[in-house]
Amino acid sequence: MEDTLDSAGNRLRTLGWVALTAIAPIAWGSNYYVTKEFLPEDSALWGAAIRALPAGLVLLAICRKLPHGSWWWKSAVLGILNIGAFFALVYVVAQLLPSGAAATTMASSAGVLMLFAWLLLGERPARWPMIGALMGFIGVAVMVFDAQGGIDIRGIISSLAAMLCSSAGFILTKRWSQGLPIVRVTAWQLVAGGAVLVPCALLVHGAPPQLGIQAAAGFGYVSLIATVAAYLAWFTGLRQLPASSVGLIGLLNPVTGVLLGTLLAAESLGIQSILGMGLVLGGVLLGLANGSRRKPLPVPQLPRRDAPAGQAVKSC
């Protein structure tokens, strides 16, 4: 009886972490629509900087803790992968592709996350999560090839590059950030990425774009919801769940993008897209339902210099 209660409690906790993590891909899926409809075109680097730097400064003000030791260079690496390069590429993707197609091409990150987790964390993917990811890839392909009109190859290439950068960055975040508060790790990455983006934007675009009320509201959404809330939820999920499960949850990104593109931007949604969305959701449910029964391998604990021996790391 006690074992049954413990098992039920573990499943409820897992469902809670899954629900929290799902905030991130849903918010990111909506980001394509907001960027395309409300933010200025031809200012990808400024768009990425305005999205990242204010969000990072807000979180840094909450934590009131600067990086120290190896976290100076780790924050720079993660800031470039997860924030600087990723945000700029996503901004380009959102302007070049329909919202649904932009979101769906990013869904291949589920399999890449599993691969990086296997190589860097020792999390060998179980059979069912791999099958779920394969179903998701098929669903993504069905949705992309159903897009009306031509697909800009520059958008596809930018999307794949963004996916590779973020997948590597997410797994390195999981590997390096054990024992540190999520808010602190997220703040450092956002500030580092934004600090890299600002001089690049000045060199490429010149002065920042003039923002009207609509653009300011759009940046407020992508900065607070699709960045602060999304990254806190995503990094928490990476810490609490196997990377393979988190990657599958990320497949909600294309579903959100397709739905918003159809409902709000009048993008067409045919039988193929509906079938593709069904495959994506089916893959998520299949992989999570069966993959949760497998106990994940522990994350390697690396020597840290963030606190003296025997002293606990304080939370924000």
Protein backbone atom coordinates (compact mmCIF):
# COMPACT_ATOMS: atom_id res chain seq x y z
CA MET A 1 0.00 0.00 0.00
CA GLU A 2 2.80 2.37 0.94
CA ASP A 3 4.65 1.56 -2.27
CA THR A 4 1.48 2.30 -4.26
CA LEU A 5 1.08 5.69 -2.56
CA ASP A 6 4.74 6.52 -3.18
CA SER A 7 4.37 5.58 -6.84
CA ALA A 8 1.23 7.72 -7.19
CA GLY A 9 2.98 10.62 -5.50
CA ASN A 10 5.98 10.33 -7.82
CA ARG A 11 3.71 10.34 -10.86
CA LEU A 12 1.87 13.42 -9.62
CA ARG A 13 5.16 15.22 -9.03
CA THR A 14 6.35 14.24 -12.49
CA LEU A 15 3.13 15.54 -14.03
CA GLY A 16 3.62 18.78 -12.15
CA TRP A 17 7.14 19.21 -13.55
CA VAL A 18 5.85 18.33 -17.03
CA ALA A 19 3.10 20.96 -16.76
CA LEU A 20 5.59 23.60 -15.57
CA THR A 21 8.06 22.76 -18.33
CA ALA A 22 5.31 22.94 -20.96
CA ILE A 23 4.99 26.68 -20.29
CA ALA A 24 8.25 27.21 -22.21
CA PRO A 25 7.46 25.62 -25.60
CA ILE A 26 3.94 27.07 -25.58
CA ALA A 27 5.35 30.55 -24.93
CA TRP A 28 8.04 30.05 -27.58
CA GLY A 29 5.44 28.85 -30.07
CA SER A 30 3.52 32.09 -29.56
CA ASN A 31 6.71 34.11 -29.95
CA TYR A 32 6.81 33.52 -33.73
CA TYR A 33 3.38 35.07 -34.20
CA VAL A 34 4.13 38.06 -31.95
CA THR A 35 7.48 38.70 -33.65
CA LYS A 36 6.03 38.50 -37.15
CA GLU A 37 2.96 40.60 -36.44
CA PHE A 38 4.12 43.22 -33.93
CA LEU A 39 7.89 43.68 -34.01
CA PRO A 40 9.91 45.71 -36.56
CA GLU A 41 11.42 43.91 -39.53
CA ASP A 42 15.09 43.95 -40.57
CA SER A 43 16.36 44.49 -37.01
CA ALA A 44 17.08 40.94 -35.92
CA LEU A 45 20.01 41.80 -33.65
CA TRP A 46 18.23 44.72 -31.98
CA GLY A 47 15.13 42.58 -31.60
CA ALA A 48 17.15 39.88 -29.88
CA ALA A 49 18.98 42.40 -27.66
CA ILE A 50 15.78 44.15 -26.58
CA ARG A 51 14.25 40.78 -25.77
CA ALA A 52 17.23 39.50 -23.76
CA LEU A 53 18.96 42.32 -21.89
CA PRO A 54 16.02 43.89 -19.99
CA ALA A 55 14.82 40.42 -18.97
CA GLY A 56 18.28 39.51 -17.71
CA LEU A 57 18.66 42.78 -15.78
CA VAL A 58 15.29 42.23 -14.08
CA LEU A 59 16.33 38.75 -12.92
CA LEU A 60 19.77 40.02 -11.91
CA ALA A 61 18.14 42.70 -9.76
CA ILE A 62 16.10 39.99 -8.06
CA CYS A 63 19.14 37.80 -7.38
CA ARG A 64 21.67 40.57 -6.71
CA LYS A 65 24.45 38.09 -7.43
CA LEU A 66 27.11 38.39 -10.12
CA PRO A 67 28.88 35.37 -11.64
CA HIS A 68 32.11 34.30 -9.96
CA GLY A 69 34.87 31.83 -10.68
CA SER A 70 34.31 29.67 -13.74
CA TRP A 71 30.81 31.05 -14.15
CA TRP A 72 32.15 34.14 -15.90
CA TRP A 73 33.19 32.13 -18.95
CA LYS A 74 30.35 29.61 -18.58
CA SER A 75 27.81 32.46 -18.60
CA ALA A 76 29.44 33.84 -21.74
CA VAL A 77 29.31 30.47 -23.53
CA LEU A 78 25.72 29.75 -22.49
CA GLY A 79 24.68 33.34 -23.17
CA ILE A 80 25.91 33.11 -26.75
CA LEU A 81 24.40 29.66 -27.41
CA ASN A 82 21.07 29.99 -25.62
CA ILE A 83 20.47 33.71 -25.95
CA GLY A 84 22.64 35.73 -28.34
CA ALA A 85 22.86 33.48 -31.39
CA PHE A 86 19.56 31.74 -30.67
CA PHE A 87 17.43 34.89 -30.26
CA ALA A 88 18.90 36.54 -33.35
CA LEU A 89 18.31 33.45 -35.48
CA VAL A 90 14.77 32.98 -34.15
CA TYR A 91 14.00 36.62 -35.00
CA VAL A 92 15.14 36.00 -38.58
CA VAL A 93 13.15 32.76 -38.77
CA ALA A 94 9.98 34.47 -37.54
CA GLN A 95 10.28 37.11 -40.28
CA LEU A 96 11.05 34.66 -43.11
CA LEU A 97 8.64 31.79 -42.42
CA PRO A 98 4.94 31.48 -41.59
CA SER A 99 4.37 31.10 -37.84
CA GLY A 100 3.43 27.43 -38.14
CA ALA A 101 6.38 26.50 -40.35
CA ALA A 102 8.80 28.51 -38.18
CA ALA A 103 7.73 26.66 -35.06
CA THR A 104 7.61 23.21 -36.60
CA THR A 105 11.15 23.28 -37.97
CA MET A 106 12.43 23.82 -34.42
CA ALA A 107 10.78 20.63 -33.20
CA SER A 108 13.70 18.53 -34.44
CA SER A 109 15.48 19.74 -31.29
CA ALA A 110 13.78 16.88 -29.41
CA GLY A 111 16.06 14.33 -31.04
CA VAL A 112 19.13 16.58 -30.86
CA LEU A 113 18.55 17.11 -27.14
CA MET A 114 18.48 13.34 -26.66
CA LEU A 115 21.75 13.00 -28.59
CA PHE A 116 23.57 15.73 -26.65
CA ALA A 117 22.19 14.36 -23.36
CA TRP A 118 23.57 10.93 -24.24
CA LEU A 119 27.00 12.33 -25.16
CA LEU A 120 27.39 14.89 -22.37
CA LEU A 121 25.25 13.60 -19.49
CA GLY A 122 25.19 9.85 -19.99
CA GLU A 123 21.38 9.89 -20.33
CA ARG A 124 20.90 7.10 -22.83
CA PRO A 125 17.44 7.60 -24.37
CA ALA A 126 14.90 4.87 -23.73
CA ARG A 127 13.06 3.18 -26.58
CA TRP A 128 9.69 4.88 -26.15
CA PRO A 129 10.98 8.46 -25.98
CA MET A 130 12.92 7.76 -29.18
CA ILE A 131 9.78 6.39 -30.85
CA GLY A 132 7.85 9.43 -29.60
CA ALA A 133 10.50 11.76 -31.03
CA LEU A 134 10.34 9.93 -34.38
CA MET A 135 6.55 10.35 -34.44
CA GLY A 136 7.05 14.04 -33.69
CA PHE A 137 9.53 14.44 -36.55
CA ILE A 138 7.09 12.80 -38.96
CA GLY A 139 4.35 15.11 -37.73
CA VAL A 140 6.61 18.12 -38.19
CA ALA A 141 7.43 17.08 -41.76
CA VAL A 142 3.73 16.65 -42.53
CA MET A 143 2.94 20.13 -41.20
CA VAL A 144 5.86 21.85 -42.95
CA PHE A 145 5.12 20.35 -46.34
CA ASP A 146 1.49 21.42 -45.99
CA ALA A 147 2.45 25.09 -45.75
CA GLN A 148 0.83 27.19 -48.47
CA GLY A 149 3.22 28.98 -50.80
CA GLY A 150 6.99 28.69 -51.00
CA ILE A 151 9.15 28.04 -47.97
CA ASP A 152 12.16 30.38 -47.75
CA ILE A 153 15.24 28.17 -47.52
CA ARG A 154 17.04 30.90 -45.56
CA GLY A 155 14.41 30.54 -42.87
CA ILE A 156 14.87 26.75 -42.73
CA ILE A 157 18.67 27.05 -42.48
CA SER A 158 18.38 29.73 -39.77
CA SER A 159 15.91 27.56 -37.87
CA LEU A 160 18.21 24.52 -37.95
CA ALA A 161 21.16 26.64 -36.81
CA ALA A 162 19.08 28.04 -33.93
CA MET A 163 18.03 24.53 -32.95
CA LEU A 164 21.65 23.28 -32.82
CA CYS A 165 22.82 26.26 -30.76
CA SER A 166 20.02 26.00 -28.22
CA SER A 167 20.17 22.21 -27.89
CA ALA A 168 23.88 22.31 -27.06
CA GLY A 169 23.34 25.24 -24.71
CA PHE A 170 20.45 23.59 -22.86
CA ILE A 171 22.39 20.41 -22.17
CA LEU A 172 25.46 22.35 -21.03
CA THR A 173 23.19 24.35 -18.72
CA LYS A 174 21.90 21.13 -17.19
CA ARG A 175 25.45 19.80 -16.80
CA TRP A 176 26.95 22.93 -15.28
CA SER A 177 24.16 24.41 -13.18
CA GLN A 178 23.54 21.68 -10.58
CA GLY A 179 23.35 23.26 -7.12
CA LEU A 180 22.85 26.83 -8.37
CA PRO A 181 19.49 28.65 -8.26
CA ILE A 182 17.71 28.60 -11.62
CA VAL A 183 16.95 32.33 -11.44
CA ARG A 184 20.63 33.14 -11.04
CA VAL A 185 21.77 30.91 -13.91
CA THR A 186 19.06 32.31 -16.20
CA ALA A 187 19.89 35.92 -15.33
CA TRP A 188 23.59 35.48 -16.08
CA GLN A 189 22.89 33.93 -19.47
CA LEU A 190 20.41 36.63 -20.48
CA VAL A 191 22.73 39.47 -19.47
CA ALA A 192 25.74 37.87 -21.17
CA GLY A 193 23.80 37.18 -24.37
CA GLY A 194 22.28 40.66 -24.40
CA ALA A 195 25.66 42.29 -23.76
CA VAL A 196 27.08 40.49 -26.81
CA LEU A 197 24.10 41.44 -28.96
CA VAL A 198 24.11 45.21 -28.30
CA PRO A 199 27.49 46.06 -29.95
CA CYS A 200 26.74 43.64 -32.78
CA ALA A 201 23.40 45.38 -33.36
CA LEU A 202 25.08 48.80 -33.38
CA LEU A 203 27.58 47.64 -36.00
CA VAL A 204 25.03 45.94 -38.24
CA HIS A 205 21.86 48.03 -37.84
CA GLY A 206 23.05 51.33 -36.39
CA ALA A 207 20.80 53.05 -33.85
CA PRO A 208 17.97 51.08 -32.21
CA PRO A 209 14.63 51.13 -34.05
CA GLN A 210 11.92 53.55 -32.99
CA LEU A 211 9.24 51.61 -31.14
CA GLY A 212 5.56 52.47 -31.22
CA ILE A 213 3.01 51.30 -28.68
CA GLN A 214 2.39 48.07 -30.60
CA ALA A 215 6.07 47.16 -30.85
CA ALA A 216 6.71 48.08 -27.21
CA ALA A 217 3.85 45.83 -26.11
CA GLY A 218 5.18 43.05 -28.33
CA PHE A 219 8.67 43.32 -26.83
CA GLY A 220 7.13 43.34 -23.35
CA TYR A 221 5.46 40.03 -24.11
CA VAL A 222 8.47 38.31 -25.69
CA SER A 223 10.76 39.59 -22.92
CA LEU A 224 8.64 38.78 -19.86
CA ILE A 225 6.58 35.79 -21.01
CA ALA A 226 8.50 34.14 -23.86
CA THR A 227 11.85 34.77 -22.16
CA VAL A 228 11.76 35.20 -18.36
CA ALA A 229 8.85 32.86 -17.60
CA ALA A 230 9.72 30.43 -20.39
CA TYR A 231 13.41 30.04 -19.54
CA LEU A 232 12.79 29.68 -15.81
CA ALA A 233 10.25 26.93 -16.54
CA TRP A 234 12.49 25.24 -19.13
CA PHE A 235 15.65 25.17 -17.03
CA THR A 236 13.65 23.92 -14.03
CA GLY A 237 12.29 21.12 -16.20
CA LEU A 238 15.78 20.24 -17.41
CA ARG A 239 16.91 19.91 -13.80
CA GLN A 240 13.95 17.78 -12.67
CA LEU A 241 13.28 15.60 -15.73
CA PRO A 242 15.39 13.55 -18.17
CA ALA A 243 16.49 15.59 -21.17
CA SER A 244 14.65 13.14 -23.46
CA SER A 245 11.35 13.95 -21.74
CA VAL A 246 12.03 17.69 -21.88
CA GLY A 247 12.79 17.41 -25.59
CA LEU A 248 9.45 15.71 -26.18
CA ILE A 249 7.62 18.44 -24.26
CA GLY A 250 9.32 20.90 -26.60
CA LEU A 251 7.26 19.46 -29.45
CA LEU A 252 4.37 21.56 -28.10
CA ASN A 253 6.20 24.50 -29.69
CA PRO A 254 5.15 23.69 -33.27
CA VAL A 255 1.60 22.83 -32.24
CA THR A 256 1.24 26.24 -30.60
CA GLY A 257 2.79 27.98 -33.59
CA VAL A 258 0.46 26.28 -36.06
CA LEU A 259 -2.65 26.96 -33.97
CA LEU A 260 -1.86 30.64 -33.45
CA GLY A 261 -0.88 31.10 -37.08
CA THR A 262 -4.21 29.59 -38.11
CA LEU A 263 -6.46 31.28 -35.57
CA LEU A 264 -4.87 34.75 -35.46
CA ALA A 265 -2.85 35.20 -38.65
CA ALA A 266 -5.24 33.51 -41.09
CA GLU A 267 -2.63 30.94 -42.08
CA SER A 268 -4.23 27.90 -43.67
CA LEU A 269 -4.66 24.69 -41.68
CA GLY A 270 -5.38 21.73 -43.91
CA ILE A 271 -5.93 18.05 -43.28
CA GLN A 272 -2.17 17.45 -43.43
CA SER A 273 -1.51 20.00 -40.69
CA ILE A 274 -4.19 18.50 -38.46
CA LEU A 275 -2.72 15.04 -39.02
CA GLY A 276 0.78 16.34 -38.32
CA MET A 277 -0.31 18.00 -35.08
CA GLY A 278 -1.94 14.74 -34.02
CA LEU A 279 1.31 12.88 -34.63
CA VAL A 280 3.29 15.44 -32.65
CA LEU A 281 0.95 15.31 -29.67
CA GLY A 282 0.78 11.53 -29.89
CA GLY A 283 4.57 11.36 -29.85
CA VAL A 284 4.74 13.61 -26.78
CA LEU A 285 2.18 11.53 -24.87
CA LEU A 286 3.69 8.20 -25.92
CA GLY A 287 7.24 9.17 -25.00
CA LEU A 288 6.32 10.78 -21.68
CA ALA A 289 3.93 8.05 -20.57
CA ASN A 290 6.42 5.24 -21.17
CA GLY A 291 9.67 7.13 -20.67
CA SER A 292 8.65 8.26 -17.16
CA ARG A 293 8.86 4.66 -15.98
CA ARG A 294 12.61 4.65 -16.57
CA LYS A 295 14.76 6.16 -13.85
CA PRO A 296 17.15 8.73 -15.35
CA LEU A 297 20.87 8.40 -14.87
CA PRO A 298 22.35 10.88 -12.40
CA VAL A 299 23.95 14.03 -13.80
CA PRO A 300 27.74 13.94 -13.36
CA GLN A 301 28.78 16.13 -10.46
CA LEU A 302 31.69 18.33 -11.43
CA PRO A 303 34.01 20.06 -8.94
CA ARG A 304 32.73 23.54 -8.16
CA ARG A 305 34.43 26.65 -6.90
CA ASP A 306 31.24 28.61 -6.31
CA ALA A 307 31.26 28.10 -2.53
CA PRO A 308 33.79 26.95 0.07
CA ALA A 309 33.77 23.30 1.03
CA GLY A 310 30.94 22.44 3.39
CA GLN A 311 29.06 25.67 2.71
CA ALA A 312 25.63 25.32 1.13
CA VAL A 313 24.81 27.32 -1.97
CA LYS A 314 22.24 29.97 -1.15
CA SER A 315 19.15 30.41 -3.26
CA CYS A 316 17.91 33.69 -4.59
